[in-house]
Amino acid sequence: MPEWNVSIDAARRAIPGEPVRLGSRAIFSGRLLGQPLESETEVVDFQPPRLFATRAIRGPRLTTRFELEAQGDDTRVHVHVSGDVPGGALGSFVAESFLRKELAASLDRLKLLGESGTPDR
């Protein structure tokens, strides 16, 4: 995931060698708004090759859902992120703005990786 997700510097499975499946967990380290952060997520929906969803159990309390839809030779990716952030309406506005920017950059990098096999870092 660090290969394409601009917010993540390192990722590891909570149980080394465990396959990705419903209930499996991963631990990520990276930066959020310039601050170091470690989070842990759990797979809450997994239907390869079209659906993958996680929820954070440590770190920012976000649920993220990726749905892949074949469109001829292309794939459309639908992403839904939800969760609670501190700071009320202002905190929500700042978080949404930041997440949109980070997600767009990550999906651009993922597209490059899928098309060329080598992401720019």
PDB file of N, CA and C in Angstrom:
ATOM      1  N   MET A   1       0.803  -1.203   0.000  1.00  0.00           N
ATOM      2  CA  MET A   1       0.000   0.000   0.000  1.00  0.00           C
ATOM      3  C   MET A   1       0.851   1.275   0.000  1.00  0.00           C
ATOM      4  N   PRO A   2       2.032   1.283   0.615  1.00  0.00           N
ATOM      5  CA  PRO A   2       2.846   2.494   0.529  1.00  0.00           C
ATOM      6  C   PRO A   2       3.233   2.833  -0.913  1.00  0.00           C
ATOM      7  N   GLU A   3       3.175   1.831  -1.799  1.00  0.00           N
ATOM      8  CA  GLU A   3       3.526   2.067  -3.192  1.00  0.00           C
ATOM      9  C   GLU A   3       2.574   3.056  -3.861  1.00  0.00           C
ATOM     10  N   TRP A   4       1.327   3.094  -3.395  1.00  0.00           N
ATOM     11  CA  TRP A   4       0.367   3.984  -4.057  1.00  0.00           C
ATOM     12  C   TRP A   4      -0.331   4.959  -3.122  1.00  0.00           C
ATOM     13  N   ASN A   5      -0.386   4.694  -1.843  1.00  0.00           N
ATOM     14  CA  ASN A   5      -1.088   5.581  -0.914  1.00  0.00           C
ATOM     15  C   ASN A   5      -0.122   6.641  -0.395  1.00  0.00           C
ATOM     16  N   VAL A   6      -0.360   7.898  -0.750  1.00  0.00           N
ATOM     17  CA  VAL A   6       0.576   8.979  -0.420  1.00  0.00           C
ATOM     18  C   VAL A   6       0.659   9.272   1.076  1.00  0.00           C
ATOM     19  N   SER A   7      -0.286   8.788   1.862  1.00  0.00           N
ATOM     20  CA  SER A   7      -0.290   9.045   3.302  1.00  0.00           C
ATOM     21  C   SER A   7       0.453   7.983   4.101  1.00  0.00           C
ATOM     22  N   ILE A   8       0.817   6.888   3.450  1.00  0.00           N
ATOM     23  CA  ILE A   8       1.396   5.754   4.169  1.00  0.00           C
ATOM     24  C   ILE A   8       2.866   5.574   3.815  1.00  0.00           C
ATOM     25  N   ASP A   9       3.705   5.507   4.850  1.00  0.00           N
ATOM     26  CA  ASP A   9       5.131   5.253   4.665  1.00  0.00           C
ATOM     27  C   ASP A   9       5.459   3.765   4.767  1.00  0.00           C
ATOM     28  N   ALA A  10       4.721   3.040   5.612  1.00  0.00           N
ATOM     29  CA  ALA A  10       4.980   1.611   5.822  1.00  0.00           C
ATOM     30  C   ALA A  10       3.681   0.916   6.205  1.00  0.00           C
ATOM     31  N   ALA A  11       3.586  -0.358   5.835  1.00  0.00           N
ATOM     32  CA  ALA A  11       2.411  -1.161   6.171  1.00  0.00           C
ATOM     33  C   ALA A  11       2.861  -2.584   6.473  1.00  0.00           C
ATOM     34  N   ARG A  12       2.178  -3.206   7.420  1.00  0.00           N
ATOM     35  CA  ARG A  12       2.460  -4.609   7.719  1.00  0.00           C
ATOM     36  C   ARG A  12       1.186  -5.278   8.202  1.00  0.00           C
ATOM     37  N   ARG A  13       1.108  -6.552   8.030  1.00  0.00           N
ATOM     38  CA  ARG A  13      -0.038  -7.305   8.537  1.00  0.00           C
ATOM     39  C   ARG A  13       0.131  -7.489  10.034  1.00  0.00           C
ATOM     40  N   ALA A  14      -0.968  -7.421  10.754  1.00  0.00           N
ATOM     41  CA  ALA A  14      -0.909  -7.599  12.211  1.00  0.00           C
ATOM     42  C   ALA A  14      -0.398  -8.992  12.558  1.00  0.00           C
ATOM     43  N   ILE A  15      -0.773  -9.986  11.749  1.00  0.00           N
ATOM     44  CA  ILE A  15      -0.260 -11.345  11.887  1.00  0.00           C
ATOM     45  C   ILE A  15       0.554 -11.624  10.627  1.00  0.00           C
ATOM     46  N   PRO A  16       1.881 -11.619  10.732  1.00  0.00           N
ATOM     47  CA  PRO A  16       2.718 -11.794   9.542  1.00  0.00           C
ATOM     48  C   PRO A  16       2.346 -13.054   8.757  1.00  0.00           C
ATOM     49  N   GLY A  17       2.242 -12.893   7.438  1.00  0.00           N
ATOM     50  CA  GLY A  17       1.934 -14.020   6.574  1.00  0.00           C
ATOM     51  C   GLY A  17       0.457 -14.349   6.442  1.00  0.00           C
ATOM     52  N   GLU A  18      -0.377 -13.736   7.273  1.00  0.00           N
ATOM     53  CA  GLU A  18      -1.806 -14.007   7.192  1.00  0.00           C
ATOM     54  C   GLU A  18      -2.361 -13.455   5.876  1.00  0.00           C
ATOM     55  N   PRO A  19      -3.175 -14.243   5.159  1.00  0.00           N
ATOM     56  CA  PRO A  19      -3.758 -13.716   3.922  1.00  0.00           C
ATOM     57  C   PRO A  19      -4.803 -12.635   4.229  1.00  0.00           C
ATOM     58  N   VAL A  20      -5.009 -11.760   3.258  1.00  0.00           N
ATOM     59  CA  VAL A  20      -6.062 -10.759   3.400  1.00  0.00           C
ATOM     60  C   VAL A  20      -7.399 -11.493   3.314  1.00  0.00           C
ATOM     61  N   ARG A  21      -8.233 -11.272   4.298  1.00  0.00           N
ATOM     62  CA  ARG A  21      -9.550 -11.917   4.375  1.00  0.00           C
ATOM     63  C   ARG A  21     -10.409 -11.120   5.340  1.00  0.00           C
ATOM     64  N   LEU A  22     -11.667 -11.451   5.412  1.00  0.00           N
ATOM     65  CA  LEU A  22     -12.566 -10.817   6.364  1.00  0.00           C
ATOM     66  C   LEU A  22     -11.997 -10.991   7.770  1.00  0.00           C
ATOM     67  N   GLY A  23     -11.838  -9.871   8.495  1.00  0.00           N
ATOM     68  CA  GLY A  23     -11.314  -9.909   9.855  1.00  0.00           C
ATOM     69  C   GLY A  23      -9.819  -9.712   9.973  1.00  0.00           C
ATOM     70  N   SER A  24      -9.080  -9.831   8.869  1.00  0.00           N
ATOM     71  CA  SER A  24      -7.635  -9.629   8.975  1.00  0.00           C
ATOM     72  C   SER A  24      -7.339  -8.160   9.256  1.00  0.00           C
ATOM     73  N   ARG A  25      -6.180  -7.919   9.851  1.00  0.00           N
ATOM     74  CA  ARG A  25      -5.808  -6.564  10.276  1.00  0.00           C
ATOM     75  C   ARG A  25      -4.458  -6.161   9.701  1.00  0.00           C
ATOM     76  N   ALA A  26      -4.307  -4.856   9.528  1.00  0.00           N
ATOM     77  CA  ALA A  26      -3.040  -4.303   9.057  1.00  0.00           C
ATOM     78  C   ALA A  26      -2.705  -3.079   9.890  1.00  0.00           C
ATOM     79  N   ILE A  27      -1.416  -2.822  10.029  1.00  0.00           N
ATOM     80  CA  ILE A  27      -0.919  -1.671  10.787  1.00  0.00           C
ATOM     81  C   ILE A  27      -0.157  -0.776   9.814  1.00  0.00           C
ATOM     82  N   PHE A  28      -0.495   0.500   9.824  1.00  0.00           N
ATOM     83  CA  PHE A  28       0.091   1.467   8.903  1.00  0.00           C
ATOM     84  C   PHE A  28       0.781   2.568   9.691  1.00  0.00           C
ATOM     85  N   SER A  29       1.881   3.058   9.145  1.00  0.00           N
ATOM     86  CA  SER A  29       2.496   4.255   9.709  1.00  0.00           C
ATOM     87  C   SER A  29       2.692   5.256   8.583  1.00  0.00           C
ATOM     88  N   GLY A  30       2.511   6.500   8.927  1.00  0.00           N
ATOM     89  CA  GLY A  30       2.640   7.566   7.942  1.00  0.00           C
ATOM     90  C   GLY A  30       2.530   8.912   8.620  1.00  0.00           C
ATOM     91  N   ARG A  31       1.985   9.880   7.884  1.00  0.00           N
ATOM     92  CA  ARG A  31       1.839  11.232   8.416  1.00  0.00           C
ATOM     93  C   ARG A  31       0.429  11.718   8.114  1.00  0.00           C
ATOM     94  N   LEU A  32      -0.124  12.466   9.040  1.00  0.00           N
ATOM     95  CA  LEU A  32      -1.431  13.091   8.866  1.00  0.00           C
ATOM     96  C   LEU A  32      -1.284  14.547   9.280  1.00  0.00           C
ATOM     97  N   LEU A  33      -1.528  15.441   8.355  1.00  0.00           N
ATOM     98  CA  LEU A  33      -1.355  16.874   8.584  1.00  0.00           C
ATOM     99  C   LEU A  33       0.038  17.175   9.140  1.00  0.00           C
ATOM    100  N   GLY A  34       1.038  16.449   8.601  1.00  0.00           N
ATOM    101  CA  GLY A  34       2.418  16.685   8.980  1.00  0.00           C
ATOM    102  C   GLY A  34       2.872  15.991  10.255  1.00  0.00           C
ATOM    103  N   GLN A  35       1.966  15.315  10.933  1.00  0.00           N
ATOM    104  CA  GLN A  35       2.308  14.653  12.195  1.00  0.00           C
ATOM    105  C   GLN A  35       2.429  13.145  11.976  1.00  0.00           C
ATOM    106  N   PRO A  36       3.429  12.491  12.619  1.00  0.00           N
ATOM    107  CA  PRO A  36       3.532  11.033  12.496  1.00  0.00           C
ATOM    108  C   PRO A  36       2.297  10.370  13.094  1.00  0.00           C
ATOM    109  N   LEU A  37       1.886   9.270  12.473  1.00  0.00           N
ATOM    110  CA  LEU A  37       0.660   8.600  12.900  1.00  0.00           C
ATOM    111  C   LEU A  37       0.776   7.113  12.623  1.00  0.00           C
ATOM    112  N   GLU A  38       0.298   6.304  13.551  1.00  0.00           N
ATOM    113  CA  GLU A  38       0.171   4.872  13.312  1.00  0.00           C
ATOM    114  C   GLU A  38      -1.294   4.515  13.485  1.00  0.00           C
ATOM    115  N   SER A  39      -1.792   3.669  12.600  1.00  0.00           N
ATOM    116  CA  SER A  39      -3.187   3.241  12.689  1.00  0.00           C
ATOM    117  C   SER A  39      -3.282   1.747  12.421  1.00  0.00           C
ATOM    118  N   GLU A  40      -4.387   1.178  12.837  1.00  0.00           N
ATOM    119  CA  GLU A  40      -4.646  -0.242  12.593  1.00  0.00           C
ATOM    120  C   GLU A  40      -6.053  -0.365  12.023  1.00  0.00           C
ATOM    121  N   THR A  41      -6.177  -1.144  10.959  1.00  0.00           N
ATOM    122  CA  THR A  41      -7.476  -1.343  10.330  1.00  0.00           C
ATOM    123  C   THR A  41      -7.819  -2.824  10.280  1.00  0.00           C
ATOM    124  N   GLU A  42      -9.118  -3.075  10.180  1.00  0.00           N
ATOM    125  CA  GLU A  42      -9.634  -4.429  10.076  1.00  0.00           C
ATOM    126  C   GLU A  42     -10.480  -4.533   8.813  1.00  0.00           C
ATOM    127  N   VAL A  43     -10.319  -5.617   8.072  1.00  0.00           N
ATOM    128  CA  VAL A  43     -11.120  -5.840   6.871  1.00  0.00           C
ATOM    129  C   VAL A  43     -12.535  -6.213   7.313  1.00  0.00           C
ATOM    130  N   VAL A  44     -13.520  -5.424   6.872  1.00  0.00           N
ATOM    131  CA  VAL A  44     -14.915  -5.656   7.268  1.00  0.00           C
ATOM    132  C   VAL A  44     -15.782  -6.143   6.114  1.00  0.00           C
ATOM    133  N   ASP A  45     -15.278  -6.067   4.891  1.00  0.00           N
ATOM    134  CA  ASP A  45     -15.966  -6.625   3.734  1.00  0.00           C
ATOM    135  C   ASP A  45     -14.907  -6.958   2.701  1.00  0.00           C
ATOM    136  N   PHE A  46     -14.985  -8.146   2.123  1.00  0.00           N
ATOM    137  CA  PHE A  46     -13.952  -8.589   1.190  1.00  0.00           C
ATOM    138  C   PHE A  46     -14.586  -9.534   0.194  1.00  0.00           C
ATOM    139  N   GLN A  47     -14.738  -9.056  -1.035  1.00  0.00           N
ATOM    140  CA  GLN A  47     -15.326  -9.846  -2.105  1.00  0.00           C
ATOM    141  C   GLN A  47     -14.456  -9.685  -3.357  1.00  0.00           C
ATOM    142  N   PRO A  48     -13.302 -10.387  -3.376  1.00  0.00           N
ATOM    143  CA  PRO A  48     -12.399 -10.237  -4.514  1.00  0.00           C
ATOM    144  C   PRO A  48     -13.091 -10.658  -5.819  1.00  0.00           C
ATOM    145  N   PRO A  49     -12.826  -9.996  -6.897  1.00  0.00           N
ATOM    146  CA  PRO A  49     -11.926  -8.864  -7.070  1.00  0.00           C
ATOM    147  C   PRO A  49     -12.650  -7.521  -7.076  1.00  0.00           C
ATOM    148  N   ARG A  50     -13.882  -7.464  -6.555  1.00  0.00           N
ATOM    149  CA  ARG A  50     -14.648  -6.232  -6.742  1.00  0.00           C
ATOM    150  C   ARG A  50     -14.878  -5.369  -5.517  1.00  0.00           C
ATOM    151  N   LEU A  51     -14.650  -5.859  -4.302  1.00  0.00           N
ATOM    152  CA  LEU A  51     -14.996  -5.079  -3.115  1.00  0.00           C
ATOM    153  C   LEU A  51     -13.997  -5.340  -1.992  1.00  0.00           C
ATOM    154  N   PHE A  52     -13.593  -4.227  -1.356  1.00  0.00           N
ATOM    155  CA  PHE A  52     -12.672  -4.295  -0.226  1.00  0.00           C
ATOM    156  C   PHE A  52     -13.019  -3.145   0.704  1.00  0.00           C
ATOM    157  N   ALA A  53     -13.281  -3.436   1.979  1.00  0.00           N
ATOM    158  CA  ALA A  53     -13.634  -2.376   2.932  1.00  0.00           C
ATOM    159  C   ALA A  53     -12.934  -2.624   4.262  1.00  0.00           C
ATOM    160  N   THR A  54     -12.504  -1.514   4.886  1.00  0.00           N
ATOM    161  CA  THR A  54     -11.847  -1.593   6.186  1.00  0.00           C
ATOM    162  C   THR A  54     -12.442  -0.563   7.134  1.00  0.00           C
ATOM    163  N   ARG A  55     -12.247  -0.817   8.415  1.00  0.00           N
ATOM    164  CA  ARG A  55     -12.574   0.190   9.424  1.00  0.00           C
ATOM    165  C   ARG A  55     -11.397   0.279  10.366  1.00  0.00           C
ATOM    166  N   ALA A  56     -11.121   1.503  10.791  1.00  0.00           N
ATOM    167  CA  ALA A  56     -10.003   1.721  11.707  1.00  0.00           C
ATOM    168  C   ALA A  56     -10.401   1.295  13.110  1.00  0.00           C
ATOM    169  N   ILE A  57      -9.502   0.590  13.751  1.00  0.00           N
ATOM    170  CA  ILE A  57      -9.732   0.213  15.145  1.00  0.00           C
ATOM    171  C   ILE A  57      -8.752   0.946  16.056  1.00  0.00           C
ATOM    172  N   ARG A  58      -7.753   1.602  15.424  1.00  0.00           N
ATOM    173  CA  ARG A  58      -6.813   2.458  16.149  1.00  0.00           C
ATOM    174  C   ARG A  58      -6.364   3.537  15.178  1.00  0.00           C
ATOM    175  N   GLY A  59      -6.306   4.767  15.651  1.00  0.00           N
ATOM    176  CA  GLY A  59      -5.977   5.890  14.777  1.00  0.00           C
ATOM    177  C   GLY A  59      -7.260   6.600  14.351  1.00  0.00           C
ATOM    178  N   PRO A  60      -7.202   7.378  13.269  1.00  0.00           N
ATOM    179  CA  PRO A  60      -8.415   8.083  12.821  1.00  0.00           C
ATOM    180  C   PRO A  60      -9.546   7.090  12.551  1.00  0.00           C
ATOM    181  N   ARG A  61     -10.708   7.334  13.139  1.00  0.00           N
ATOM    182  CA  ARG A  61     -11.841   6.395  13.079  1.00  0.00           C
ATOM    183  C   ARG A  61     -12.575   6.500  11.747  1.00  0.00           C
ATOM    184  N   LEU A  62     -11.962   5.930  10.716  1.00  0.00           N
ATOM    185  CA  LEU A  62     -12.544   5.987   9.384  1.00  0.00           C
ATOM    186  C   LEU A  62     -12.914   4.596   8.896  1.00  0.00           C
ATOM    187  N   THR A  63     -13.965   4.534   8.112  1.00  0.00           N
ATOM    188  CA  THR A  63     -14.335   3.338   7.374  1.00  0.00           C
ATOM    189  C   THR A  63     -14.143   3.672   5.903  1.00  0.00           C
ATOM    190  N   THR A  64     -13.449   2.802   5.193  1.00  0.00           N
ATOM    191  CA  THR A  64     -13.145   3.038   3.787  1.00  0.00           C
ATOM    192  C   THR A  64     -13.606   1.842   2.973  1.00  0.00           C
ATOM    193  N   ARG A  65     -14.293   2.147   1.875  1.00  0.00           N
ATOM    194  CA  ARG A  65     -14.844   1.091   1.016  1.00  0.00           C
ATOM    195  C   ARG A  65     -14.405   1.352  -0.424  1.00  0.00           C
ATOM    196  N   PHE A  66     -13.771   0.365  -1.032  1.00  0.00           N
ATOM    197  CA  PHE A  66     -13.357   0.426  -2.436  1.00  0.00           C
ATOM    198  C   PHE A  66     -14.177  -0.579  -3.223  1.00  0.00           C
ATOM    199  N   GLU A  67     -14.867  -0.100  -4.247  1.00  0.00           N
ATOM    200  CA  GLU A  67     -15.596  -0.987  -5.151  1.00  0.00           C
ATOM    201  C   GLU A  67     -15.022  -0.818  -6.543  1.00  0.00           C
ATOM    202  N   LEU A  68     -14.704  -1.917  -7.190  1.00  0.00           N
ATOM    203  CA  LEU A  68     -14.145  -1.889  -8.534  1.00  0.00           C
ATOM    204  C   LEU A  68     -15.186  -2.391  -9.516  1.00  0.00           C
ATOM    205  N   GLU A  69     -15.343  -1.655 -10.603  1.00  0.00           N
ATOM    206  CA  GLU A  69     -16.358  -1.962 -11.600  1.00  0.00           C
ATOM    207  C   GLU A  69     -15.683  -2.025 -12.975  1.00  0.00           C
ATOM    208  N   ALA A  70     -15.748  -3.202 -13.612  1.00  0.00           N
ATOM    209  CA  ALA A  70     -15.171  -3.364 -14.940  1.00  0.00           C
ATOM    210  C   ALA A  70     -15.976  -2.546 -15.938  1.00  0.00           C
ATOM    211  N   GLN A  71     -15.243  -1.839 -16.807  1.00  0.00           N
ATOM    212  CA  GLN A  71     -15.856  -1.062 -17.879  1.00  0.00           C
ATOM    213  C   GLN A  71     -15.030  -1.276 -19.142  1.00  0.00           C
ATOM    214  N   GLY A  72     -15.337  -2.346 -19.844  1.00  0.00           N
ATOM    215  CA  GLY A  72     -14.547  -2.707 -21.011  1.00  0.00           C
ATOM    216  C   GLY A  72     -13.141  -3.077 -20.581  1.00  0.00           C
ATOM    217  N   ASP A  73     -12.141  -2.407 -21.152  1.00  0.00           N
ATOM    218  CA  ASP A  73     -10.748  -2.652 -20.794  1.00  0.00           C
ATOM    219  C   ASP A  73     -10.303  -1.847 -19.584  1.00  0.00           C
ATOM    220  N   ASP A  74     -11.186  -1.020 -19.067  1.00  0.00           N
ATOM    221  CA  ASP A  74     -10.869  -0.150 -17.941  1.00  0.00           C
ATOM    222  C   ASP A  74     -11.565  -0.637 -16.665  1.00  0.00           C
ATOM    223  N   THR A  75     -11.168  -0.045 -15.550  1.00  0.00           N
ATOM    224  CA  THR A  75     -11.808  -0.316 -14.264  1.00  0.00           C
ATOM    225  C   THR A  75     -12.138   1.013 -13.608  1.00  0.00           C
ATOM    226  N   ARG A  76     -13.377   1.157 -13.184  1.00  0.00           N
ATOM    227  CA  ARG A  76     -13.795   2.341 -12.435  1.00  0.00           C
ATOM    228  C   ARG A  76     -13.723   1.983 -10.949  1.00  0.00           C
ATOM    229  N   VAL A  77     -13.115   2.870 -10.179  1.00  0.00           N
ATOM    230  CA  VAL A  77     -12.984   2.666  -8.735  1.00  0.00           C
ATOM    231  C   VAL A  77     -13.912   3.640  -8.032  1.00  0.00           C
ATOM    232  N   HIS A  78     -14.808   3.106  -7.216  1.00  0.00           N
ATOM    233  CA  HIS A  78     -15.691   3.923  -6.383  1.00  0.00           C
ATOM    234  C   HIS A  78     -15.154   3.837  -4.961  1.00  0.00           C
ATOM    235  N   VAL A  79     -14.956   4.985  -4.327  1.00  0.00           N
ATOM    236  CA  VAL A  79     -14.415   5.019  -2.969  1.00  0.00           C
ATOM    237  C   VAL A  79     -15.382   5.787  -2.080  1.00  0.00           C
ATOM    238  N   HIS A  80     -15.672   5.216  -0.925  1.00  0.00           N
ATOM    239  CA  HIS A  80     -16.505   5.903   0.065  1.00  0.00           C
ATOM    240  C   HIS A  80     -15.753   5.877   1.394  1.00  0.00           C
ATOM    241  N   VAL A  81     -15.552   7.055   1.968  1.00  0.00           N
ATOM    242  CA  VAL A  81     -14.876   7.179   3.258  1.00  0.00           C
ATOM    243  C   VAL A  81     -15.830   7.872   4.221  1.00  0.00           C
ATOM    244  N   SER A  82     -15.999   7.308   5.400  1.00  0.00           N
ATOM    245  CA  SER A  82     -16.847   7.945   6.414  1.00  0.00           C
ATOM    246  C   SER A  82     -16.182   7.763   7.773  1.00  0.00           C
ATOM    247  N   GLY A  83     -16.611   8.588   8.719  1.00  0.00           N
ATOM    248  CA  GLY A  83     -16.061   8.461  10.061  1.00  0.00           C
ATOM    249  C   GLY A  83     -16.300   9.707  10.874  1.00  0.00           C
ATOM    250  N   ASP A  84     -15.843   9.650  12.094  1.00  0.00           N
ATOM    251  CA  ASP A  84     -15.971  10.770  13.018  1.00  0.00           C
ATOM    252  C   ASP A  84     -14.616  11.436  13.199  1.00  0.00           C
ATOM    253  N   VAL A  85     -14.614  12.754  13.141  1.00  0.00           N
ATOM    254  CA  VAL A  85     -13.386  13.507  13.384  1.00  0.00           C
ATOM    255  C   VAL A  85     -13.661  14.534  14.474  1.00  0.00           C
ATOM    256  N   PRO A  86     -12.645  14.853  15.257  1.00  0.00           N
ATOM    257  CA  PRO A  86     -12.845  15.869  16.295  1.00  0.00           C
ATOM    258  C   PRO A  86     -12.934  17.257  15.678  1.00  0.00           C
ATOM    259  N   GLY A  87     -13.483  18.195  16.416  1.00  0.00           N
ATOM    260  CA  GLY A  87     -13.493  19.590  15.976  1.00  0.00           C
ATOM    261  C   GLY A  87     -14.799  20.072  15.397  1.00  0.00           C
ATOM    262  N   GLY A  88     -15.857  19.274  15.504  1.00  0.00           N
ATOM    263  CA  GLY A  88     -17.168  19.715  15.029  1.00  0.00           C
ATOM    264  C   GLY A  88     -17.182  19.998  13.532  1.00  0.00           C
ATOM    265  N   ALA A  89     -17.957  20.999  13.115  1.00  0.00           N
ATOM    266  CA  ALA A  89     -18.127  21.331  11.701  1.00  0.00           C
ATOM    267  C   ALA A  89     -16.812  21.760  11.065  1.00  0.00           C
ATOM    268  N   LEU A  90     -16.014  22.541  11.793  1.00  0.00           N
ATOM    269  CA  LEU A  90     -14.732  22.978  11.250  1.00  0.00           C
ATOM    270  C   LEU A  90     -13.797  21.786  11.058  1.00  0.00           C
ATOM    271  N   GLY A  91     -13.739  20.918  12.039  1.00  0.00           N
ATOM    272  CA  GLY A  91     -12.906  19.718  11.931  1.00  0.00           C
ATOM    273  C   GLY A  91     -13.336  18.854  10.764  1.00  0.00           C
ATOM    274  N   SER A  92     -14.642  18.702  10.571  1.00  0.00           N
ATOM    275  CA  SER A  92     -15.156  17.917   9.446  1.00  0.00           C
ATOM    276  C   SER A  92     -14.774  18.541   8.113  1.00  0.00           C
ATOM    277  N   PHE A  93     -14.878  19.872   8.018  1.00  0.00           N
ATOM    278  CA  PHE A  93     -14.522  20.565   6.780  1.00  0.00           C
ATOM    279  C   PHE A  93     -13.043  20.375   6.454  1.00  0.00           C
ATOM    280  N   VAL A  94     -12.183  20.566   7.442  1.00  0.00           N
ATOM    281  CA  VAL A  94     -10.737  20.422   7.236  1.00  0.00           C
ATOM    282  C   VAL A  94     -10.403  18.977   6.864  1.00  0.00           C
ATOM    283  N   ALA A  95     -10.992  18.019   7.575  1.00  0.00           N
ATOM    284  CA  ALA A  95     -10.711  16.609   7.304  1.00  0.00           C
ATOM    285  C   ALA A  95     -11.171  16.215   5.909  1.00  0.00           C
ATOM    286  N   GLU A  96     -12.368  16.647   5.521  1.00  0.00           N
ATOM    287  CA  GLU A  96     -12.875  16.288   4.195  1.00  0.00           C
ATOM    288  C   GLU A  96     -11.993  16.870   3.101  1.00  0.00           C
ATOM    289  N   SER A  97     -11.599  18.115   3.252  1.00  0.00           N
ATOM    290  CA  SER A  97     -10.731  18.760   2.262  1.00  0.00           C
ATOM    291  C   SER A  97      -9.396  18.019   2.152  1.00  0.00           C
ATOM    292  N   PHE A  98      -8.794  17.708   3.284  1.00  0.00           N
ATOM    293  CA  PHE A  98      -7.522  17.000   3.306  1.00  0.00           C
ATOM    294  C   PHE A  98      -7.658  15.609   2.689  1.00  0.00           C
ATOM    295  N   LEU A  99      -8.701  14.864   3.101  1.00  0.00           N
ATOM    296  CA  LEU A  99      -8.890  13.501   2.605  1.00  0.00           C
ATOM    297  C   LEU A  99      -9.136  13.476   1.102  1.00  0.00           C
ATOM    298  N   ARG A 100      -9.905  14.428   0.585  1.00  0.00           N
ATOM    299  CA  ARG A 100     -10.144  14.483  -0.867  1.00  0.00           C
ATOM    300  C   ARG A 100      -8.829  14.653  -1.621  1.00  0.00           C
ATOM    301  N   LYS A 101      -7.985  15.550  -1.144  1.00  0.00           N
ATOM    302  CA  LYS A 101      -6.696  15.805  -1.792  1.00  0.00           C
ATOM    303  C   LYS A 101      -5.805  14.561  -1.732  1.00  0.00           C
ATOM    304  N   GLU A 102      -5.681  13.968  -0.547  1.00  0.00           N
ATOM    305  CA  GLU A 102      -4.844  12.783  -0.375  1.00  0.00           C
ATOM    306  C   GLU A 102      -5.368  11.607  -1.191  1.00  0.00           C
ATOM    307  N   LEU A 103      -6.677  11.410  -1.199  1.00  0.00           N
ATOM    308  CA  LEU A 103      -7.270  10.300  -1.940  1.00  0.00           C
ATOM    309  C   LEU A 103      -7.086  10.477  -3.441  1.00  0.00           C
ATOM    310  N   ALA A 104      -7.276  11.681  -3.934  1.00  0.00           N
ATOM    311  CA  ALA A 104      -7.078  11.943  -5.365  1.00  0.00           C
ATOM    312  C   ALA A 104      -5.636  11.643  -5.769  1.00  0.00           C
ATOM    313  N   ALA A 105      -4.673  12.091  -4.971  1.00  0.00           N
ATOM    314  CA  ALA A 105      -3.259  11.831  -5.270  1.00  0.00           C
ATOM    315  C   ALA A 105      -2.955  10.335  -5.219  1.00  0.00           C
ATOM    316  N   SER A 106      -3.523   9.647  -4.239  1.00  0.00           N
ATOM    317  CA  SER A 106      -3.293   8.203  -4.117  1.00  0.00           C
ATOM    318  C   SER A 106      -3.901   7.448  -5.294  1.00  0.00           C
ATOM    319  N   LEU A 107      -5.109   7.812  -5.701  1.00  0.00           N
ATOM    320  CA  LEU A 107      -5.744   7.120  -6.825  1.00  0.00           C
ATOM    321  C   LEU A 107      -5.028   7.410  -8.137  1.00  0.00           C
ATOM    322  N   ASP A 108      -4.502   8.616  -8.295  1.00  0.00           N
ATOM    323  CA  ASP A 108      -3.689   8.926  -9.477  1.00  0.00           C
ATOM    324  C   ASP A 108      -2.457   8.029  -9.514  1.00  0.00           C
ATOM    325  N   ARG A 109      -1.809   7.873  -8.365  1.00  0.00           N
ATOM    326  CA  ARG A 109      -0.613   7.027  -8.289  1.00  0.00           C
ATOM    327  C   ARG A 109      -0.980   5.568  -8.553  1.00  0.00           C
ATOM    328  N   LEU A 110      -2.113   5.102  -8.016  1.00  0.00           N
ATOM    329  CA  LEU A 110      -2.561   3.728  -8.246  1.00  0.00           C
ATOM    330  C   LEU A 110      -2.829   3.490  -9.730  1.00  0.00           C
ATOM    331  N   LYS A 111      -3.430   4.471 -10.385  1.00  0.00           N
ATOM    332  CA  LYS A 111      -3.690   4.359 -11.821  1.00  0.00           C
ATOM    333  C   LYS A 111      -2.382   4.217 -12.591  1.00  0.00           C
ATOM    334  N   LEU A 112      -1.398   5.056 -12.265  1.00  0.00           N
ATOM    335  CA  LEU A 112      -0.090   4.958 -12.917  1.00  0.00           C
ATOM    336  C   LEU A 112       0.539   3.589 -12.692  1.00  0.00           C
ATOM    337  N   LEU A 113       0.441   3.091 -11.478  1.00  0.00           N
ATOM    338  CA  LEU A 113       0.993   1.779 -11.154  1.00  0.00           C
ATOM    339  C   LEU A 113       0.310   0.692 -11.966  1.00  0.00           C
ATOM    340  N   GLY A 114      -1.007   0.763 -12.049  1.00  0.00           N
ATOM    341  CA  GLY A 114      -1.753  -0.232 -12.809  1.00  0.00           C
ATOM    342  C   GLY A 114      -1.456  -0.190 -14.293  1.00  0.00           C
ATOM    343  N   GLU A 115      -1.219   0.986 -14.814  1.00  0.00           N
ATOM    344  CA  GLU A 115      -0.972   1.133 -16.245  1.00  0.00           C
ATOM    345  C   GLU A 115       0.482   0.869 -16.637  1.00  0.00           C
ATOM    346  N   SER A 116       1.427   1.217 -15.748  1.00  0.00           N
ATOM    347  CA  SER A 116       2.835   1.102 -16.130  1.00  0.00           C
ATOM    348  C   SER A 116       3.621   0.103 -15.310  1.00  0.00           C
ATOM    349  N   GLY A 117       3.136  -0.196 -14.127  1.00  0.00           N
ATOM    350  CA  GLY A 117       3.855  -1.106 -13.246  1.00  0.00           C
ATOM    351  C   GLY A 117       4.903  -0.425 -12.386  1.00  0.00           C
ATOM    352  N   THR A 118       5.106   0.902 -12.555  1.00  0.00           N
ATOM    353  CA  THR A 118       6.098   1.611 -11.748  1.00  0.00           C
ATOM    354  C   THR A 118       5.546   2.962 -11.310  1.00  0.00           C
ATOM    355  N   PRO A 119       5.201   3.125 -10.030  1.00  0.00           N
ATOM    356  CA  PRO A 119       4.696   4.418  -9.573  1.00  0.00           C
ATOM    357  C   PRO A 119       5.823   5.436  -9.404  1.00  0.00           C
ATOM    358  N   ASP A 120       5.486   6.701  -9.564  1.00  0.00           N
ATOM    359  CA  ASP A 120       6.424   7.765  -9.230  1.00  0.00           C
ATOM    360  C   ASP A 120       6.318   8.019  -7.747  1.00  0.00           C
ATOM    361  N   ARG A 121       7.410   8.204  -7.054  1.00  0.00           N
ATOM    362  CA  ARG A 121       7.375   8.488  -5.607  1.00  0.00           C
ATOM    363  C   ARG A 121       7.981   9.788  -5.326  1.00  0.00           C
TER     364      ARG A 121
END
